[in-house]
Each structure stands twice: as structure tokens, then as C-alpha cells.
């Protein structure tokens, strides 16, 4: 089982559902229905699962970067991008990652 190293240094077991919930919330916050972005959600979860596979631990920042990267590839100039919704959540909650 892979442990996630959180920003505060604490560890917790990787929970795919927790990541999926966060991704789905960003999709909704961007103004999409989750079924309209199912491919993006599935790809992002798959990419995160590949990143944690076989590792003892991984930082939450690395997971976040995978998610943001997938979101940024989904840019649609006519609609609010999911990456922006994710970053707005971070900003609103004072979440700071060093990139």
C-alpha cells in the first residue's frame, strides 16, 4: 500500500476515492457535469494510479501536479477550464504548493 505524504508531513494511505472526489468536484466547480468530462476524470485517476503503483510513498504535491497537468491538457477556450477551478479551490483554502 502506498502512503501519501501530505503537505504537513503526515502520512496517510493512498485513497483513490478521495482523489476521484476531488477531481469530480473540480469538474463541477468549472461548470461541467461529471458525465461530460468522464474521459478526463478516468484519465486523471488512471494517471494517478500509475504514479502510485509500486511505490511505498509519494507526496501529495506530486499527485496534485499530475492532476493539474491532466486538467491543463483539457483547455477549452469557450469554457472555464477545470485547472482554474482546482487552483481557485487551493487559493480559497490557503493551500500553497511549491512547483
N, C-alpha and C. Protein backbone atom coordinates (compact mmCIF):
# COMPACT_ATOMS: atom_id res chain seq x y z
N UNK A 1 0.85 -1.18 0.00
CA UNK A 1 0.00 0.00 0.00
C UNK A 1 0.89 1.23 0.00
N UNK A 2 0.54 2.19 -0.82
CA UNK A 2 1.29 3.43 -0.94
C UNK A 2 0.79 4.44 0.08
N UNK A 3 1.72 5.11 0.74
CA UNK A 3 1.38 6.19 1.65
C UNK A 3 1.53 7.52 0.93
N UNK A 4 0.65 8.44 1.23
CA UNK A 4 0.71 9.80 0.71
C UNK A 4 1.35 10.67 1.79
N UNK A 5 2.38 11.42 1.41
CA UNK A 5 2.99 12.37 2.33
C UNK A 5 2.30 13.70 2.10
N UNK A 6 1.54 14.13 3.08
CA UNK A 6 0.77 15.37 2.96
C UNK A 6 1.68 16.58 3.13
N UNK A 7 1.15 17.76 2.82
CA UNK A 7 1.94 19.00 2.91
C UNK A 7 2.48 19.22 4.32
N UNK A 8 1.75 18.78 5.33
CA UNK A 8 2.19 18.99 6.71
C UNK A 8 3.14 17.90 7.20
N UNK A 9 3.50 16.97 6.31
CA UNK A 9 4.44 15.91 6.65
C UNK A 9 3.79 14.63 7.14
N UNK A 10 2.51 14.68 7.46
CA UNK A 10 1.82 13.47 7.90
C UNK A 10 1.65 12.51 6.73
N UNK A 11 1.51 11.24 7.08
CA UNK A 11 1.29 10.22 6.06
C UNK A 11 -0.08 9.61 6.24
N UNK A 12 -0.67 9.24 5.12
CA UNK A 12 -1.94 8.51 5.16
C UNK A 12 -1.95 7.57 3.95
N UNK A 13 -2.66 6.47 4.06
CA UNK A 13 -2.73 5.54 2.94
C UNK A 13 -3.39 6.18 1.71
N UNK A 14 -2.87 5.85 0.54
CA UNK A 14 -3.46 6.35 -0.70
C UNK A 14 -4.91 5.90 -0.77
N UNK A 15 -5.78 6.82 -1.15
CA UNK A 15 -7.21 6.56 -1.26
C UNK A 15 -7.68 7.07 -2.61
N UNK A 16 -7.85 6.16 -3.55
CA UNK A 16 -8.27 6.54 -4.91
C UNK A 16 -9.58 7.31 -4.89
N UNK A 17 -10.51 6.92 -4.04
CA UNK A 17 -11.80 7.59 -4.00
C UNK A 17 -11.67 9.05 -3.59
N UNK A 18 -10.74 9.33 -2.69
CA UNK A 18 -10.52 10.71 -2.25
C UNK A 18 -10.04 11.57 -3.42
N UNK A 19 -9.14 11.02 -4.22
CA UNK A 19 -8.65 11.74 -5.40
C UNK A 19 -9.78 11.92 -6.40
N UNK A 20 -10.54 10.86 -6.62
CA UNK A 20 -11.66 10.93 -7.58
C UNK A 20 -12.68 11.99 -7.15
N UNK A 21 -12.99 12.04 -5.86
CA UNK A 21 -13.93 13.05 -5.37
C UNK A 21 -13.41 14.46 -5.63
N UNK A 22 -12.12 14.67 -5.39
CA UNK A 22 -11.53 15.99 -5.62
C UNK A 22 -11.57 16.37 -7.10
N UNK A 23 -11.26 15.41 -7.96
CA UNK A 23 -11.29 15.66 -9.40
C UNK A 23 -12.72 15.97 -9.85
N UNK A 24 -13.67 15.19 -9.39
CA UNK A 24 -15.07 15.42 -9.75
C UNK A 24 -15.56 16.78 -9.25
N UNK A 25 -15.14 17.17 -8.07
CA UNK A 25 -15.53 18.48 -7.53
C UNK A 25 -14.96 19.62 -8.38
N UNK A 26 -13.73 19.47 -8.85
CA UNK A 26 -13.14 20.50 -9.71
C UNK A 26 -13.89 20.59 -11.03
N UNK A 27 -14.28 19.46 -11.57
CA UNK A 27 -15.07 19.43 -12.81
C UNK A 27 -16.39 20.17 -12.61
N UNK A 28 -17.06 19.87 -11.51
CA UNK A 28 -18.34 20.54 -11.21
C UNK A 28 -18.13 22.03 -10.98
N UNK A 29 -17.09 22.41 -10.24
CA UNK A 29 -16.81 23.82 -9.97
C UNK A 29 -16.50 24.59 -11.25
N UNK A 30 -15.99 23.89 -12.26
CA UNK A 30 -15.69 24.52 -13.54
C UNK A 30 -16.93 24.66 -14.41
N UNK A 31 -18.05 24.12 -13.93
CA UNK A 31 -19.31 24.29 -14.66
C UNK A 31 -19.68 23.13 -15.56
N UNK A 32 -18.99 22.02 -15.43
CA UNK A 32 -19.29 20.84 -16.23
C UNK A 32 -20.06 19.82 -15.41
N UNK A 33 -20.74 18.96 -16.10
CA UNK A 33 -21.33 17.78 -15.44
C UNK A 33 -20.27 16.69 -15.50
N UNK A 34 -20.22 15.86 -14.46
CA UNK A 34 -19.15 14.85 -14.41
C UNK A 34 -19.22 13.90 -15.60
N UNK A 35 -20.42 13.56 -16.07
CA UNK A 35 -20.50 12.64 -17.21
C UNK A 35 -19.96 13.27 -18.49
N UNK A 36 -20.01 14.62 -18.57
CA UNK A 36 -19.47 15.31 -19.75
C UNK A 36 -17.95 15.28 -19.77
N UNK A 37 -17.33 15.09 -18.62
CA UNK A 37 -15.87 15.05 -18.50
C UNK A 37 -15.40 13.69 -17.99
N UNK A 38 -16.17 12.66 -18.25
CA UNK A 38 -15.82 11.31 -17.77
C UNK A 38 -14.45 10.87 -18.28
N UNK A 39 -14.15 11.18 -19.54
CA UNK A 39 -12.85 10.79 -20.10
C UNK A 39 -11.72 11.46 -19.32
N UNK A 40 -11.86 12.75 -19.02
CA UNK A 40 -10.85 13.47 -18.26
C UNK A 40 -10.71 12.89 -16.85
N UNK A 41 -11.83 12.63 -16.21
CA UNK A 41 -11.81 12.07 -14.85
C UNK A 41 -11.12 10.71 -14.86
N UNK A 42 -11.52 9.84 -15.79
CA UNK A 42 -10.94 8.50 -15.87
C UNK A 42 -9.45 8.55 -16.17
N UNK A 43 -9.03 9.42 -17.11
CA UNK A 43 -7.62 9.54 -17.45
C UNK A 43 -6.82 10.02 -16.25
N UNK A 44 -7.34 11.01 -15.55
CA UNK A 44 -6.63 11.57 -14.40
C UNK A 44 -6.47 10.54 -13.30
N UNK A 45 -7.53 9.82 -12.99
CA UNK A 45 -7.45 8.78 -11.96
C UNK A 45 -6.48 7.69 -12.39
N UNK A 46 -6.51 7.30 -13.66
CA UNK A 46 -5.58 6.29 -14.16
C UNK A 46 -4.13 6.77 -14.04
N UNK A 47 -3.88 8.04 -14.40
CA UNK A 47 -2.52 8.58 -14.31
C UNK A 47 -2.03 8.62 -12.86
N UNK A 48 -2.90 8.98 -11.94
CA UNK A 48 -2.53 8.99 -10.52
C UNK A 48 -2.25 7.57 -10.04
N UNK A 49 -3.11 6.63 -10.42
CA UNK A 49 -2.90 5.23 -10.02
C UNK A 49 -1.57 4.70 -10.55
N UNK A 50 -1.22 5.05 -11.78
CA UNK A 50 0.07 4.63 -12.34
C UNK A 50 1.23 5.23 -11.55
N UNK A 51 1.08 6.46 -11.11
CA UNK A 51 2.14 7.13 -10.37
C UNK A 51 2.38 6.49 -9.00
N UNK A 52 1.33 6.02 -8.36
CA UNK A 52 1.49 5.44 -7.02
C UNK A 52 1.82 3.95 -7.06
N UNK A 53 1.56 3.33 -8.17
CA UNK A 53 1.77 1.87 -8.28
C UNK A 53 3.21 1.49 -8.00
N UNK A 54 3.37 0.57 -7.07
CA UNK A 54 4.69 0.05 -6.74
C UNK A 54 5.53 0.95 -5.86
N UNK A 55 5.00 2.07 -5.42
CA UNK A 55 5.77 2.98 -4.57
C UNK A 55 5.33 2.82 -3.13
N UNK A 56 6.29 2.97 -2.22
CA UNK A 56 5.98 2.95 -0.80
C UNK A 56 5.31 4.24 -0.38
N UNK A 57 5.77 5.36 -0.98
CA UNK A 57 5.18 6.66 -0.64
C UNK A 57 5.35 7.63 -1.80
N UNK A 58 4.48 8.62 -1.82
CA UNK A 58 4.51 9.68 -2.83
C UNK A 58 3.93 10.93 -2.18
N UNK A 59 4.42 12.08 -2.58
CA UNK A 59 3.92 13.31 -1.97
C UNK A 59 2.59 13.73 -2.59
N UNK A 60 1.79 14.41 -1.79
CA UNK A 60 0.53 14.93 -2.30
C UNK A 60 0.81 15.97 -3.39
N UNK A 61 1.94 16.65 -3.32
CA UNK A 61 2.31 17.63 -4.35
C UNK A 61 2.50 16.96 -5.70
N UNK A 62 3.09 15.77 -5.71
CA UNK A 62 3.28 15.06 -6.98
C UNK A 62 1.93 14.63 -7.56
N UNK A 63 1.05 14.19 -6.71
CA UNK A 63 -0.29 13.82 -7.16
C UNK A 63 -1.00 15.05 -7.71
N UNK A 64 -0.90 16.15 -6.99
CA UNK A 64 -1.52 17.40 -7.44
C UNK A 64 -0.98 17.81 -8.80
N UNK A 65 0.31 17.68 -9.02
CA UNK A 65 0.90 18.06 -10.30
C UNK A 65 0.41 17.18 -11.45
N UNK A 66 0.20 15.91 -11.19
CA UNK A 66 -0.37 15.01 -12.20
C UNK A 66 -1.77 15.48 -12.56
N UNK A 67 -2.56 15.78 -11.54
CA UNK A 67 -3.94 16.23 -11.76
C UNK A 67 -3.96 17.53 -12.55
N UNK A 68 -3.18 18.51 -12.13
CA UNK A 68 -3.14 19.80 -12.82
C UNK A 68 -2.69 19.62 -14.27
N UNK A 69 -1.68 18.80 -14.49
CA UNK A 69 -1.19 18.56 -15.85
C UNK A 69 -2.30 18.00 -16.73
N UNK A 70 -3.03 17.02 -16.23
CA UNK A 70 -4.14 16.45 -17.00
C UNK A 70 -5.21 17.50 -17.26
N UNK A 71 -5.52 18.30 -16.26
CA UNK A 71 -6.53 19.35 -16.42
C UNK A 71 -6.11 20.37 -17.47
N UNK A 72 -4.84 20.76 -17.45
CA UNK A 72 -4.37 21.78 -18.37
C UNK A 72 -4.42 21.30 -19.82
N UNK A 73 -4.33 20.02 -20.03
CA UNK A 73 -4.43 19.46 -21.38
C UNK A 73 -5.87 19.49 -21.89
N UNK A 74 -6.82 19.77 -21.01
CA UNK A 74 -8.23 19.74 -21.32
C UNK A 74 -8.78 21.15 -21.60
N UNK A 75 -7.92 22.12 -21.84
CA UNK A 75 -8.31 23.51 -22.00
C UNK A 75 -9.35 23.67 -23.12
N UNK A 76 -10.39 24.42 -22.83
CA UNK A 76 -11.43 24.77 -23.80
C UNK A 76 -11.63 26.27 -23.67
N UNK A 77 -11.27 27.02 -24.69
CA UNK A 77 -11.27 28.48 -24.60
C UNK A 77 -12.65 29.06 -24.36
N UNK A 78 -13.71 28.33 -24.70
CA UNK A 78 -15.06 28.85 -24.54
C UNK A 78 -15.65 28.59 -23.16
N UNK A 79 -14.96 27.83 -22.35
CA UNK A 79 -15.49 27.47 -21.04
C UNK A 79 -14.40 27.61 -20.00
N UNK A 80 -14.81 27.72 -18.74
CA UNK A 80 -13.85 27.82 -17.64
C UNK A 80 -13.11 26.48 -17.53
N UNK A 81 -11.77 26.50 -17.59
CA UNK A 81 -11.03 25.23 -17.50
C UNK A 81 -11.08 24.65 -16.09
N UNK A 82 -11.00 23.35 -16.04
CA UNK A 82 -11.04 22.64 -14.77
C UNK A 82 -9.81 22.99 -13.93
N UNK A 83 -8.67 23.19 -14.56
CA UNK A 83 -7.45 23.55 -13.82
C UNK A 83 -7.65 24.85 -13.04
N UNK A 84 -8.33 25.80 -13.63
CA UNK A 84 -8.57 27.07 -12.94
C UNK A 84 -9.46 26.85 -11.73
N UNK A 85 -10.48 26.00 -11.85
CA UNK A 85 -11.36 25.70 -10.72
C UNK A 85 -10.55 25.05 -9.59
N UNK A 86 -9.64 24.15 -9.93
CA UNK A 86 -8.79 23.49 -8.93
C UNK A 86 -7.94 24.52 -8.21
N UNK A 87 -7.31 25.39 -8.99
CA UNK A 87 -6.43 26.41 -8.38
C UNK A 87 -7.23 27.41 -7.54
N UNK A 88 -8.44 27.74 -7.96
CA UNK A 88 -9.28 28.63 -7.17
C UNK A 88 -9.61 28.01 -5.82
N UNK A 89 -9.84 26.71 -5.80
CA UNK A 89 -10.09 26.00 -4.53
C UNK A 89 -8.86 26.11 -3.63
N UNK A 90 -7.69 25.88 -4.22
CA UNK A 90 -6.46 25.98 -3.43
C UNK A 90 -6.28 27.38 -2.86
N UNK A 91 -6.51 28.38 -3.69
CA UNK A 91 -6.36 29.76 -3.27
C UNK A 91 -7.36 30.10 -2.15
N UNK A 92 -8.60 29.70 -2.33
CA UNK A 92 -9.65 29.96 -1.34
C UNK A 92 -9.32 29.34 0.01
N UNK A 93 -8.69 28.17 0.00
CA UNK A 93 -8.40 27.45 1.23
C UNK A 93 -6.96 27.63 1.71
N UNK A 94 -6.24 28.54 1.07
CA UNK A 94 -4.87 28.83 1.51
C UNK A 94 -3.91 27.68 1.29
N UNK A 95 -4.16 26.87 0.30
CA UNK A 95 -3.30 25.74 0.01
C UNK A 95 -2.19 26.22 -0.92
N UNK A 96 -0.96 26.05 -0.48
CA UNK A 96 0.19 26.52 -1.27
C UNK A 96 1.11 25.35 -1.55
N UNK A 97 1.39 25.16 -2.83
CA UNK A 97 2.35 24.14 -3.25
C UNK A 97 3.50 24.85 -3.94
N UNK A 98 4.68 24.38 -3.69
CA UNK A 98 5.84 24.89 -4.41
C UNK A 98 6.01 24.04 -5.65
N UNK A 99 6.01 24.69 -6.80
CA UNK A 99 6.13 23.95 -8.05
C UNK A 99 7.52 24.04 -8.60
